[in-house]
Each structure stands twice: as structure tokens, then as C-alpha cells.
Amino acid sequence: MVDYGATNSSDVPPEPYDQSSSDNKKTTDQGEKDPGNVARGLKAAISNPGVSEEAKKNAKKKLEGLQ
């Protein structure tokens, strides 16, 4: 466990990000995911060396289905 030993406000770690207050829309008005963001995420997975070959293959199939 980390002891921050806070003595003033600059020593306190920041609060976790609260998505509910974000102005950036991540979904469409119907609650669906933004296809552009989905495509970007799939492309990132395909080019990421830390992603397994099986996951890359699945991402390629999903990306082809979007186009």
C-alpha cells in the first residue's frame, strides 16, 4: 500500500477520471459505438506488437465487416 503522506493539496494524487462529466461523445445518439472510434481501435490492435496473432486476425475480420 502506498502512503502518500499528504501535507498539502499538491501532495494528494489526482482524482480518477470521471467519464460522466466528459463532453466528448463516445457513442451515437442511439447508444451505439462510434464506428470511426471502433475502426481506430481495431487498427491499433492490428499494429500493436503486444497483441496476439489470433487477436489480430479477429480484429482484421471485424474491421473488414465495418467497411
Protein backbone atom coordinates (compact mmCIF):
# COMPACT_ATOMS: atom_id res chain seq x y z
CA MET A 1 0.00 0.00 0.00
CA VAL A 2 1.26 3.44 -0.87
CA ASP A 3 1.42 6.07 1.86
CA TYR A 4 1.18 9.45 0.20
CA GLY A 5 1.75 11.31 3.47
CA ALA A 6 -0.17 14.28 2.13
CA THR A 7 0.66 17.53 3.85
CA ASN A 8 -0.89 19.88 1.31
CA SER A 9 -3.06 19.66 -1.79
CA SER A 10 -0.09 19.29 -4.14
CA ASP A 11 0.88 16.02 -2.41
CA VAL A 12 -2.52 14.40 -2.96
CA PRO A 13 -2.82 12.17 -6.04
CA PRO A 14 -5.39 13.34 -8.60
CA GLU A 15 -8.92 12.00 -8.53
CA PRO A 16 -9.72 9.26 -11.04
CA TYR A 17 -11.10 10.47 -14.36
CA ASP A 18 -14.89 10.74 -14.33
CA GLN A 19 -16.24 9.93 -17.79
CA SER A 20 -19.76 11.02 -16.89
CA SER A 21 -18.68 14.65 -16.96
CA SER A 22 -16.86 14.37 -20.28
CA ASP A 23 -18.16 16.44 -23.19
CA ASN A 24 -16.64 14.07 -25.75
CA LYS A 25 -19.29 11.73 -27.15
CA LYS A 26 -18.15 8.13 -27.36
CA THR A 27 -21.47 6.79 -28.62
CA THR A 28 -24.10 7.78 -31.14
CA ASP A 29 -27.42 9.24 -30.07
CA GLN A 30 -28.87 5.72 -30.09
CA GLY A 31 -26.20 4.49 -27.67
CA GLU A 32 -24.19 2.68 -30.34
CA LYS A 33 -20.41 2.89 -30.52
CA ASP A 34 -18.89 5.42 -32.91
CA PRO A 35 -17.78 3.38 -35.96
CA GLY A 36 -14.77 5.65 -36.50
CA ASN A 37 -13.52 5.03 -32.98
CA VAL A 38 -14.13 1.28 -33.34
CA ALA A 39 -12.14 1.22 -36.59
CA ARG A 40 -9.27 3.17 -35.00
CA GLY A 41 -9.17 0.76 -32.07
CA LEU A 42 -9.12 -2.27 -34.35
CA LYS A 43 -6.33 -0.76 -36.46
CA ALA A 44 -4.37 -0.06 -33.30
CA ALA A 45 -4.79 -3.66 -32.16
CA ILE A 46 -3.62 -4.95 -35.55
CA SER A 47 -0.44 -2.88 -35.45
CA ASN A 48 0.32 -3.42 -31.74
CA PRO A 49 3.21 -5.89 -31.26
CA GLY A 50 1.84 -6.82 -27.84
CA VAL A 51 -1.37 -8.25 -29.31
CA SER A 52 -1.53 -11.97 -30.11
CA GLU A 53 -1.78 -13.15 -33.71
CA GLU A 54 -5.20 -14.64 -33.00
CA ALA A 55 -6.48 -11.31 -31.67
CA LYS A 56 -5.01 -9.51 -34.70
CA LYS A 57 -6.80 -11.94 -37.01
CA ASN A 58 -10.09 -11.32 -35.20
CA ALA A 59 -9.56 -7.55 -35.36
CA LYS A 60 -8.91 -7.76 -39.12
CA LYS A 61 -12.17 -9.68 -39.62
CA LYS A 62 -14.13 -7.15 -37.58
CA LEU A 63 -12.52 -4.25 -39.44
CA GLU A 64 -13.42 -5.81 -42.80
CA GLY A 65 -17.01 -6.14 -41.56
CA LEU A 66 -17.15 -2.41 -40.81
CA GLN A 67 -16.13 -1.37 -44.30
